[in-house]
């Protein structure tokens, strides 16, 4: 019983001293790049992150980030409409979420879970962190295979998007504790 109580007290103490970081929406965004066929076509889009509760403790980052898919823009209104309504089905699947569980601040790689289009998949990618005072800047890149998330391959007027889409994130975190 003493061991259980000691473990609970120690866990609570660690949480009390953990740095809670808040996503800074004005300087955080997610961008995707999809190559088309013919190969010279490149489609880019971006969306903001919703504020997520990330906890930084013992040089490890944990928590969840949400991307409201209705806010994706590609620069062409009709393409945005097709992307959101026909392919991402935002009425049914309004958000994408990235869950991080103990991602080390050390090293250049990371793993997490991405939930998109109602499907959860493990993802991995590369990351770069820069810390200045109470601000941490995270740049990360990973790839998403659309068919792994049961998303139909977008096609319009003879242009078909490749199954693999590159996702780049720029995330600014501010320590709140």
N, C-alpha and C. Protein backbone atom coordinates (compact mmCIF):
# COMPACT_ATOMS: atom_id res chain seq x y z
N UNK A 1 0.82 -1.19 0.00
CA UNK A 1 0.00 0.00 0.00
C UNK A 1 0.86 1.25 0.00
N UNK A 2 1.97 1.22 0.80
CA UNK A 2 2.87 2.36 0.84
C UNK A 2 3.46 2.63 -0.54
N UNK A 3 3.78 1.56 -1.27
CA UNK A 3 4.37 1.71 -2.60
C UNK A 3 3.39 2.39 -3.55
N UNK A 4 2.13 1.98 -3.51
CA UNK A 4 1.11 2.59 -4.37
C UNK A 4 0.94 4.06 -4.03
N UNK A 5 0.85 4.38 -2.73
CA UNK A 5 0.69 5.76 -2.31
C UNK A 5 1.89 6.60 -2.73
N UNK A 6 3.10 6.07 -2.54
CA UNK A 6 4.31 6.79 -2.91
C UNK A 6 4.36 7.04 -4.41
N UNK A 7 3.94 6.05 -5.19
CA UNK A 7 3.92 6.20 -6.65
C UNK A 7 2.94 7.30 -7.06
N UNK A 8 1.77 7.34 -6.45
CA UNK A 8 0.77 8.37 -6.76
C UNK A 8 1.30 9.75 -6.40
N UNK A 9 1.89 9.89 -5.23
CA UNK A 9 2.44 11.18 -4.80
C UNK A 9 3.56 11.62 -5.74
N UNK A 10 4.46 10.70 -6.11
CA UNK A 10 5.55 11.03 -7.02
C UNK A 10 5.02 11.47 -8.38
N UNK A 11 4.01 10.76 -8.90
CA UNK A 11 3.42 11.12 -10.19
C UNK A 11 2.79 12.51 -10.14
N UNK A 12 2.10 12.80 -9.05
CA UNK A 12 1.48 14.12 -8.91
C UNK A 12 2.55 15.21 -8.83
N UNK A 13 3.65 14.93 -8.15
CA UNK A 13 4.73 15.91 -8.05
C UNK A 13 5.35 16.17 -9.42
N UNK A 14 5.53 15.10 -10.20
CA UNK A 14 6.09 15.28 -11.54
C UNK A 14 5.17 16.13 -12.40
N UNK A 15 3.87 15.91 -12.33
CA UNK A 15 2.92 16.73 -13.09
C UNK A 15 2.94 18.18 -12.63
N UNK A 16 3.12 18.39 -11.33
CA UNK A 16 3.14 19.76 -10.81
C UNK A 16 4.32 20.54 -11.36
N UNK A 17 5.43 19.84 -11.62
CA UNK A 17 6.62 20.53 -12.12
C UNK A 17 6.77 20.42 -13.63
N UNK A 18 5.82 19.78 -14.30
CA UNK A 18 5.88 19.67 -15.76
C UNK A 18 5.54 21.02 -16.38
N UNK A 19 6.21 21.32 -17.45
CA UNK A 19 5.94 22.56 -18.17
C UNK A 19 4.79 22.31 -19.13
N UNK A 20 3.71 23.04 -18.97
CA UNK A 20 2.59 22.92 -19.89
C UNK A 20 2.81 23.94 -20.99
N UNK A 21 2.71 23.48 -22.22
CA UNK A 21 2.94 24.37 -23.35
C UNK A 21 1.64 24.58 -24.10
N UNK A 22 1.43 25.80 -24.54
CA UNK A 22 0.22 26.14 -25.27
C UNK A 22 0.59 26.49 -26.70
N UNK A 23 -0.16 25.92 -27.65
CA UNK A 23 0.06 26.22 -29.06
C UNK A 23 -0.27 27.68 -29.31
N UNK A 24 0.59 28.35 -30.03
CA UNK A 24 0.37 29.74 -30.40
C UNK A 24 -0.22 29.76 -31.82
N UNK A 25 -1.55 29.92 -31.96
CA UNK A 25 -2.20 29.78 -33.26
C UNK A 25 -1.71 30.72 -34.34
N UNK A 26 -1.33 31.94 -33.99
CA UNK A 26 -0.93 32.91 -35.00
C UNK A 26 0.37 32.53 -35.70
N UNK A 27 1.21 31.76 -35.04
CA UNK A 27 2.49 31.39 -35.63
C UNK A 27 2.61 29.88 -35.83
N UNK A 28 1.50 29.17 -35.82
CA UNK A 28 1.50 27.72 -36.03
C UNK A 28 0.60 27.38 -37.21
N UNK A 29 1.04 26.43 -38.03
CA UNK A 29 0.21 26.02 -39.16
C UNK A 29 0.66 24.65 -39.64
N UNK A 30 -0.20 24.06 -40.41
CA UNK A 30 0.11 22.80 -41.06
C UNK A 30 -0.06 23.01 -42.56
N UNK A 31 0.85 22.47 -43.32
CA UNK A 31 0.81 22.61 -44.77
C UNK A 31 0.95 21.23 -45.40
N UNK A 32 0.24 21.00 -46.49
CA UNK A 32 0.43 19.75 -47.20
C UNK A 32 0.81 20.04 -48.64
N UNK A 33 1.56 19.12 -49.20
CA UNK A 33 1.98 19.21 -50.59
C UNK A 33 1.64 17.89 -51.25
N UNK A 34 0.81 17.96 -52.29
CA UNK A 34 0.40 16.78 -53.04
C UNK A 34 0.87 16.94 -54.47
N UNK A 35 1.56 15.95 -54.97
CA UNK A 35 1.99 15.96 -56.36
C UNK A 35 0.86 15.40 -57.21
N UNK A 36 0.73 15.92 -58.38
CA UNK A 36 -0.31 15.47 -59.29
C UNK A 36 0.25 14.72 -60.48
N UNK A 37 -0.64 14.14 -61.22
CA UNK A 37 -0.30 13.51 -62.49
C UNK A 37 -1.07 14.27 -63.55
N UNK A 38 -0.44 14.96 -64.44
CA UNK A 38 0.97 14.94 -64.78
C UNK A 38 1.86 15.47 -63.65
N UNK A 39 3.11 15.00 -63.64
CA UNK A 39 4.04 15.20 -62.53
C UNK A 39 4.38 16.65 -62.24
N UNK A 40 4.23 17.54 -63.19
CA UNK A 40 4.60 18.94 -62.94
C UNK A 40 3.58 19.66 -62.07
N UNK A 41 2.46 19.04 -61.78
CA UNK A 41 1.42 19.66 -60.95
C UNK A 41 1.77 19.45 -59.47
N UNK A 42 1.72 20.52 -58.70
CA UNK A 42 1.95 20.45 -57.27
C UNK A 42 0.83 21.25 -56.60
N UNK A 43 0.12 20.60 -55.70
CA UNK A 43 -0.99 21.25 -55.01
C UNK A 43 -0.60 21.43 -53.55
N UNK A 44 -0.69 22.66 -53.08
CA UNK A 44 -0.38 22.93 -51.68
C UNK A 44 -1.62 23.46 -50.98
N UNK A 45 -1.69 23.21 -49.71
CA UNK A 45 -2.79 23.71 -48.90
C UNK A 45 -2.30 23.92 -47.49
N UNK A 46 -3.06 24.65 -46.72
CA UNK A 46 -2.68 24.86 -45.33
C UNK A 46 -3.91 25.05 -44.46
N UNK A 47 -3.69 24.86 -43.18
CA UNK A 47 -4.75 25.04 -42.18
C UNK A 47 -4.09 25.37 -40.85
N UNK A 48 -4.81 26.03 -39.97
CA UNK A 48 -4.27 26.32 -38.64
C UNK A 48 -4.50 25.13 -37.71
N UNK A 49 -3.76 25.11 -36.61
CA UNK A 49 -4.01 24.16 -35.53
C UNK A 49 -4.99 24.80 -34.57
N UNK A 50 -5.84 23.98 -33.98
CA UNK A 50 -6.59 24.45 -32.82
C UNK A 50 -5.65 24.34 -31.63
N UNK A 51 -5.88 25.13 -30.62
CA UNK A 51 -5.06 25.07 -29.42
C UNK A 51 -5.11 23.65 -28.87
N UNK A 52 -3.96 23.12 -28.59
CA UNK A 52 -3.89 21.76 -28.07
C UNK A 52 -3.21 21.77 -26.72
N UNK A 53 -3.53 20.82 -25.90
CA UNK A 53 -2.90 20.71 -24.59
C UNK A 53 -1.67 19.82 -24.69
N UNK A 54 -0.52 20.42 -24.83
CA UNK A 54 0.72 19.67 -24.88
C UNK A 54 1.44 19.83 -23.55
N UNK A 55 2.00 18.74 -23.06
CA UNK A 55 2.74 18.78 -21.81
C UNK A 55 4.18 18.41 -22.12
N UNK A 56 5.07 19.23 -21.64
CA UNK A 56 6.50 19.00 -21.80
C UNK A 56 7.05 18.64 -20.43
N UNK A 57 7.49 17.40 -20.28
CA UNK A 57 8.04 16.93 -19.01
C UNK A 57 9.21 16.00 -19.30
N UNK A 58 10.29 16.20 -18.57
CA UNK A 58 11.49 15.36 -18.74
C UNK A 58 11.94 15.33 -20.20
N UNK A 59 11.92 16.46 -20.87
CA UNK A 59 12.33 16.59 -22.27
C UNK A 59 11.52 15.71 -23.21
N UNK A 60 10.25 15.46 -22.86
CA UNK A 60 9.36 14.69 -23.72
C UNK A 60 8.05 15.44 -23.89
N UNK A 61 7.54 15.41 -25.11
CA UNK A 61 6.33 16.14 -25.46
C UNK A 61 5.18 15.16 -25.64
N UNK A 62 4.07 15.40 -24.96
CA UNK A 62 2.88 14.55 -25.06
C UNK A 62 1.66 15.43 -25.19
N UNK A 63 0.63 14.90 -25.84
CA UNK A 63 -0.62 15.63 -25.97
C UNK A 63 -1.23 15.43 -27.33
N UNK A 64 -2.23 16.25 -27.64
CA UNK A 64 -2.95 16.11 -28.90
C UNK A 64 -3.14 17.47 -29.54
N UNK A 65 -2.97 17.50 -30.87
CA UNK A 65 -3.22 18.69 -31.67
C UNK A 65 -4.37 18.39 -32.61
N UNK A 66 -5.22 19.37 -32.82
CA UNK A 66 -6.38 19.20 -33.70
C UNK A 66 -6.31 20.20 -34.84
N UNK A 67 -6.61 19.70 -36.05
CA UNK A 67 -6.68 20.56 -37.23
C UNK A 67 -8.13 20.55 -37.71
N UNK A 68 -8.82 21.69 -37.67
CA UNK A 68 -10.18 21.77 -38.19
C UNK A 68 -10.13 21.75 -39.72
N UNK A 69 -10.54 20.64 -40.31
CA UNK A 69 -10.38 20.45 -41.75
C UNK A 69 -11.20 21.44 -42.59
N UNK A 70 -12.25 22.00 -42.01
CA UNK A 70 -13.04 22.98 -42.77
C UNK A 70 -12.25 24.26 -43.03
N UNK A 71 -11.12 24.45 -42.35
CA UNK A 71 -10.32 25.65 -42.52
C UNK A 71 -9.16 25.47 -43.51
N UNK A 72 -9.07 24.29 -44.14
CA UNK A 72 -8.03 24.07 -45.15
C UNK A 72 -8.28 24.99 -46.34
N UNK A 73 -7.21 25.60 -46.81
CA UNK A 73 -7.29 26.40 -48.03
C UNK A 73 -6.17 25.98 -48.98
N UNK A 74 -6.48 25.98 -50.28
CA UNK A 74 -5.48 25.64 -51.30
C UNK A 74 -5.28 26.78 -52.28
N UNK A 75 -6.03 27.85 -52.13
CA UNK A 75 -5.91 28.98 -53.03
C UNK A 75 -6.94 28.98 -54.16
N UNK A 76 -7.69 27.90 -54.30
CA UNK A 76 -8.74 27.82 -55.33
C UNK A 76 -10.02 27.35 -54.65
N UNK A 77 -11.04 28.19 -54.64
CA UNK A 77 -12.27 27.89 -53.91
C UNK A 77 -12.92 26.58 -54.34
N UNK A 78 -13.01 26.32 -55.65
CA UNK A 78 -13.65 25.10 -56.12
C UNK A 78 -12.87 23.86 -55.68
N UNK A 79 -11.55 23.93 -55.72
CA UNK A 79 -10.72 22.81 -55.26
C UNK A 79 -10.92 22.59 -53.76
N UNK A 80 -11.00 23.68 -53.00
CA UNK A 80 -11.25 23.58 -51.56
C UNK A 80 -12.57 22.87 -51.29
N UNK A 81 -13.59 23.26 -52.03
CA UNK A 81 -14.92 22.66 -51.87
C UNK A 81 -14.88 21.16 -52.16
N UNK A 82 -14.26 20.78 -53.28
CA UNK A 82 -14.15 19.35 -53.62
C UNK A 82 -13.36 18.59 -52.57
N UNK A 83 -12.25 19.16 -52.14
CA UNK A 83 -11.41 18.51 -51.13
C UNK A 83 -12.18 18.25 -49.84
N UNK A 84 -12.87 19.27 -49.38
CA UNK A 84 -13.57 19.17 -48.10
C UNK A 84 -14.83 18.30 -48.19
N UNK A 85 -15.61 18.47 -49.25
CA UNK A 85 -16.89 17.77 -49.35
C UNK A 85 -16.76 16.35 -49.89
N UNK A 86 -16.03 16.19 -50.97
CA UNK A 86 -15.98 14.90 -51.67
C UNK A 86 -14.93 13.94 -51.11
N UNK A 87 -13.76 14.45 -50.72
CA UNK A 87 -12.66 13.58 -50.34
C UNK A 87 -12.46 13.47 -48.82
N UNK A 88 -12.38 14.60 -48.14
CA UNK A 88 -12.19 14.56 -46.69
C UNK A 88 -13.50 14.38 -45.92
N UNK A 89 -14.61 14.67 -46.57
CA UNK A 89 -15.94 14.52 -45.97
C UNK A 89 -16.01 15.17 -44.59
N UNK A 90 -15.71 16.48 -44.56
CA UNK A 90 -15.62 17.19 -43.29
C UNK A 90 -16.93 17.26 -42.51
N UNK A 91 -18.06 17.07 -43.18
CA UNK A 91 -19.33 17.04 -42.44
C UNK A 91 -19.37 15.83 -41.50
N UNK A 92 -18.75 14.74 -41.91
CA UNK A 92 -18.71 13.52 -41.10
C UNK A 92 -17.44 13.45 -40.25
N UNK A 93 -16.32 13.90 -40.82
CA UNK A 93 -15.01 13.84 -40.15
C UNK A 93 -14.42 15.25 -40.08
N UNK A 94 -14.89 16.08 -39.14
CA UNK A 94 -14.53 17.51 -39.15
C UNK A 94 -13.08 17.82 -38.79
N UNK A 95 -12.41 16.93 -38.08
CA UNK A 95 -11.07 17.24 -37.60
C UNK A 95 -10.08 16.13 -37.93
N UNK A 96 -8.83 16.51 -38.00
CA UNK A 96 -7.71 15.57 -37.99
C UNK A 96 -7.00 15.80 -36.66
N UNK A 97 -6.55 14.73 -36.02
CA UNK A 97 -5.84 14.89 -34.76
C UNK A 97 -4.50 14.17 -34.81
N UNK A 98 -3.51 14.80 -34.24
CA UNK A 98 -2.18 14.22 -34.11
C UNK A 98 -1.93 14.04 -32.62
N UNK A 99 -1.69 12.79 -32.22
CA UNK A 99 -1.45 12.48 -30.82
C UNK A 99 0.01 12.13 -30.64
N UNK A 100 0.64 12.79 -29.69
CA UNK A 100 2.04 12.54 -29.36
C UNK A 100 2.11 11.96 -27.96
N UNK A 101 2.89 10.91 -27.79
CA UNK A 101 2.99 10.26 -26.49
C UNK A 101 4.45 10.09 -26.12
N UNK A 102 4.97 11.06 -25.43
CA UNK A 102 6.35 10.98 -24.97
C UNK A 102 7.38 11.13 -26.07
N UNK A 103 7.18 12.09 -26.97
CA UNK A 103 8.14 12.34 -28.04
C UNK A 103 9.35 13.06 -27.45
N UNK A 104 10.50 12.45 -27.58
CA UNK A 104 11.73 13.03 -27.05
C UNK A 104 12.10 14.29 -27.82
N UNK A 105 12.57 15.29 -27.07
CA UNK A 105 13.05 16.50 -27.72
C UNK A 105 14.42 16.27 -28.36
N UNK A 106 15.06 15.19 -27.97
CA UNK A 106 16.36 14.84 -28.54
C UNK A 106 16.15 14.09 -29.86
N UNK A 107 17.12 14.13 -30.71
CA UNK A 107 17.05 13.40 -31.97
C UNK A 107 16.27 14.13 -33.04
N UNK A 108 16.27 13.53 -34.21
CA UNK A 108 15.66 14.18 -35.37
C UNK A 108 14.38 13.50 -35.85
N UNK A 109 13.93 12.45 -35.18
CA UNK A 109 12.74 11.73 -35.63
C UNK A 109 11.68 11.74 -34.54
N UNK A 110 10.45 11.44 -34.95
CA UNK A 110 9.35 11.33 -33.99
C UNK A 110 8.35 10.31 -34.50
N UNK A 111 7.53 9.84 -33.59
CA UNK A 111 6.40 8.97 -33.93
C UNK A 111 5.17 9.51 -33.23
N UNK A 112 4.03 9.26 -33.83
CA UNK A 112 2.77 9.67 -33.26
C UNK A 112 1.64 8.91 -33.89
N UNK A 113 0.42 9.31 -33.56
CA UNK A 113 -0.77 8.70 -34.16
C UNK A 113 -1.58 9.81 -34.81
N UNK A 114 -1.95 9.58 -36.06
CA UNK A 114 -2.76 10.53 -36.80
C UNK A 114 -4.13 9.92 -37.01
N UNK A 115 -5.17 10.67 -36.64
CA UNK A 115 -6.54 10.26 -36.91
C UNK A 115 -7.08 11.20 -37.98
N UNK A 116 -7.45 10.60 -39.11
CA UNK A 116 -7.92 11.36 -40.26
C UNK A 116 -8.98 10.54 -40.96
N UNK A 117 -10.09 11.16 -41.30
CA UNK A 117 -11.16 10.47 -42.04
C UNK A 117 -11.67 9.25 -41.25
N UNK A 118 -11.65 9.38 -39.92
CA UNK A 118 -12.15 8.31 -39.06
C UNK A 118 -11.21 7.14 -38.88
N UNK A 119 -9.98 7.24 -39.38
CA UNK A 119 -9.01 6.15 -39.30
C UNK A 119 -7.80 6.64 -38.51
N UNK A 120 -7.33 5.81 -37.58
CA UNK A 120 -6.13 6.13 -36.82
C UNK A 120 -4.97 5.28 -37.33
N UNK A 121 -3.84 5.93 -37.61
CA UNK A 121 -2.64 5.25 -38.10
C UNK A 121 -1.42 5.81 -37.37
N UNK A 122 -0.43 4.96 -37.17
CA UNK A 122 0.85 5.43 -36.66
C UNK A 122 1.55 6.17 -37.79
N UNK A 123 2.21 7.24 -37.43
CA UNK A 123 3.01 7.99 -38.40
C UNK A 123 4.39 8.22 -37.80
N UNK A 124 5.35 8.47 -38.65
CA UNK A 124 6.68 8.84 -38.18
C UNK A 124 7.22 9.87 -39.15
N UNK A 125 8.14 10.66 -38.65
CA UNK A 125 8.70 11.70 -39.49
C UNK A 125 9.94 12.29 -38.87
N UNK A 126 10.34 13.42 -39.42
CA UNK A 126 11.51 14.13 -38.91
C UNK A 126 11.06 15.41 -38.22
N UNK A 127 11.89 15.87 -37.29
CA UNK A 127 11.56 17.08 -36.55
C UNK A 127 12.81 17.88 -36.25
N UNK A 128 12.59 19.15 -36.06
CA UNK A 128 13.65 20.05 -35.65
C UNK A 128 13.06 21.00 -34.61
N UNK A 129 13.70 21.14 -33.47
CA UNK A 129 13.22 22.01 -32.41
C UNK A 129 14.20 23.13 -32.15
N UNK A 130 13.65 24.31 -31.88
CA UNK A 130 14.44 25.46 -31.50
C UNK A 130 13.76 26.08 -30.29
N UNK A 131 14.52 26.28 -29.22
CA UNK A 131 13.95 26.89 -28.01
C UNK A 131 14.63 28.22 -27.75
N UNK A 132 13.79 29.21 -27.46
CA UNK A 132 14.28 30.55 -27.14
C UNK A 132 13.41 31.07 -26.00
N UNK A 133 13.98 31.13 -24.81
CA UNK A 133 13.22 31.57 -23.65
C UNK A 133 12.10 30.60 -23.35
N UNK A 134 10.86 31.11 -23.28
CA UNK A 134 9.71 30.25 -22.98
C UNK A 134 9.00 29.79 -24.25
N UNK A 135 9.62 30.01 -25.42
CA UNK A 135 9.02 29.62 -26.70
C UNK A 135 9.82 28.46 -27.30
N UNK A 136 9.10 27.47 -27.82
CA UNK A 136 9.71 26.36 -28.53
C UNK A 136 9.09 26.30 -29.91
N UNK A 137 9.92 26.26 -30.93
CA UNK A 137 9.48 26.15 -32.32
C UNK A 137 9.75 24.73 -32.78
N UNK A 138 8.70 24.06 -33.29
CA UNK A 138 8.82 22.69 -33.78
C UNK A 138 8.48 22.69 -35.26
N UNK A 139 9.42 22.23 -36.07
CA UNK A 139 9.17 22.01 -37.50
C UNK A 139 9.24 20.51 -37.69
N UNK A 140 8.18 19.94 -38.24
CA UNK A 140 8.13 18.49 -38.43
C UNK A 140 7.57 18.17 -39.81
N UNK A 141 8.01 17.06 -40.35
CA UNK A 141 7.55 16.61 -41.67
C UNK A 141 7.24 15.12 -41.59
N UNK A 142 6.11 14.73 -42.18
CA UNK A 142 5.77 13.32 -42.30
C UNK A 142 4.93 13.13 -43.56
N UNK A 143 4.77 11.88 -43.96
CA UNK A 143 3.97 11.60 -45.15
C UNK A 143 2.70 10.85 -44.75
N UNK A 144 1.67 11.10 -45.52
CA UNK A 144 0.37 10.45 -45.33
C UNK A 144 0.01 9.75 -46.63
N UNK A 145 -0.30 8.48 -46.53
CA UNK A 145 -0.79 7.74 -47.69
C UNK A 145 -2.31 7.78 -47.62
N UNK A 146 -2.93 8.47 -48.56
CA UNK A 146 -4.37 8.71 -48.53
C UNK A 146 -5.18 7.42 -48.41
N UNK A 147 -4.81 6.39 -49.16
CA UNK A 147 -5.58 5.14 -49.13
C UNK A 147 -5.50 4.45 -47.77
N UNK A 148 -4.43 4.70 -46.98
CA UNK A 148 -4.36 4.14 -45.62
C UNK A 148 -5.46 4.72 -44.74
N UNK A 149 -5.94 5.91 -45.08
CA UNK A 149 -6.98 6.58 -44.31
C UNK A 149 -8.35 6.51 -45.01
N UNK A 150 -8.44 5.61 -45.98
CA UNK A 150 -9.69 5.39 -46.71
C UNK A 150 -10.21 6.66 -47.40
N UNK A 151 -9.26 7.43 -47.92
CA UNK A 151 -9.60 8.64 -48.67
C UNK A 151 -9.40 8.32 -50.14
N UNK A 152 -10.42 8.58 -50.93
CA UNK A 152 -10.33 8.36 -52.38
C UNK A 152 -9.27 9.29 -52.95
N UNK A 153 -8.58 8.83 -53.98
CA UNK A 153 -7.56 9.65 -54.62
C UNK A 153 -8.25 10.78 -55.39
N UNK A 154 -7.96 12.05 -55.02
CA UNK A 154 -8.59 13.17 -55.71
C UNK A 154 -8.21 13.24 -57.19
N UNK A 155 -9.21 13.51 -58.00
CA UNK A 155 -9.01 13.64 -59.43
C UNK A 155 -10.03 14.64 -59.96
N UNK A 156 -9.55 15.53 -60.86
CA UNK A 156 -10.44 16.55 -61.42
C UNK A 156 -9.87 17.01 -62.76
N UNK A 157 -10.66 16.96 -63.77
CA UNK A 157 -10.32 17.42 -65.11
C UNK A 157 -8.96 16.91 -65.58
N UNK A 158 -8.75 15.60 -65.44
CA UNK A 158 -7.54 14.97 -65.95
C UNK A 158 -6.33 15.07 -65.04
N UNK A 159 -6.48 15.70 -63.89
CA UNK A 159 -5.37 15.78 -62.94
C UNK A 159 -5.71 14.88 -61.76
N UNK A 160 -4.80 13.94 -61.47
CA UNK A 160 -4.98 13.01 -60.36
C UNK A 160 -3.87 13.25 -59.35
N UNK A 161 -4.23 13.29 -58.08
CA UNK A 161 -3.25 13.50 -57.02
C UNK A 161 -2.60 12.16 -56.67
N UNK A 162 -1.31 12.19 -56.38
CA UNK A 162 -0.60 10.99 -55.94
C UNK A 162 -1.16 10.53 -54.59
N UNK A 163 -1.01 9.24 -54.30
CA UNK A 163 -1.53 8.66 -53.06
C UNK A 163 -0.77 9.16 -51.83
N UNK A 164 0.47 9.57 -51.99
CA UNK A 164 1.29 10.01 -50.86
C UNK A 164 1.34 11.54 -50.84
N UNK A 165 1.00 12.10 -49.68
CA UNK A 165 0.99 13.54 -49.48
C UNK A 165 1.99 13.88 -48.39
N UNK A 166 2.81 14.88 -48.60
CA UNK A 166 3.78 15.32 -47.61
C UNK A 166 3.14 16.39 -46.72
N UNK A 167 3.29 16.23 -45.41
CA UNK A 167 2.72 17.17 -44.45
C UNK A 167 3.88 17.85 -43.71
N UNK A 168 3.86 19.17 -43.71
CA UNK A 168 4.86 19.97 -42.99
C UNK A 168 4.13 20.75 -41.91
N UNK A 169 4.69 20.74 -40.72
CA UNK A 169 4.09 21.51 -39.63
C UNK A 169 5.08 22.54 -39.11
N UNK A 170 4.55 23.67 -38.77
CA UNK A 170 5.30 24.71 -38.07
C UNK A 170 4.49 25.01 -36.82
N UNK A 171 5.05 24.70 -35.70
CA UNK A 171 4.31 24.80 -34.45
C UNK A 171 5.10 25.61 -33.45
N UNK A 172 4.48 26.66 -32.92
CA UNK A 172 5.11 27.45 -31.87
C UNK A 172 4.39 27.16 -30.56
N UNK A 173 5.17 26.76 -29.56
CA UNK A 173 4.64 26.46 -28.23
C UNK A 173 5.18 27.48 -27.24
N UNK A 174 4.30 27.92 -26.36
CA UNK A 174 4.73 28.84 -25.30
C UNK A 174 4.48 28.17 -23.96
N UNK A 175 5.51 28.14 -23.16
CA UNK A 175 5.38 27.55 -21.83
C UNK A 175 4.45 28.40 -21.00
N UNK A 176 3.46 27.75 -20.37
CA UNK A 176 2.49 28.49 -19.57
C UNK A 176 2.66 28.28 -18.08
N UNK A 177 3.64 27.47 -17.71
CA UNK A 177 3.87 27.21 -16.29
C UNK A 177 5.33 27.20 -15.99
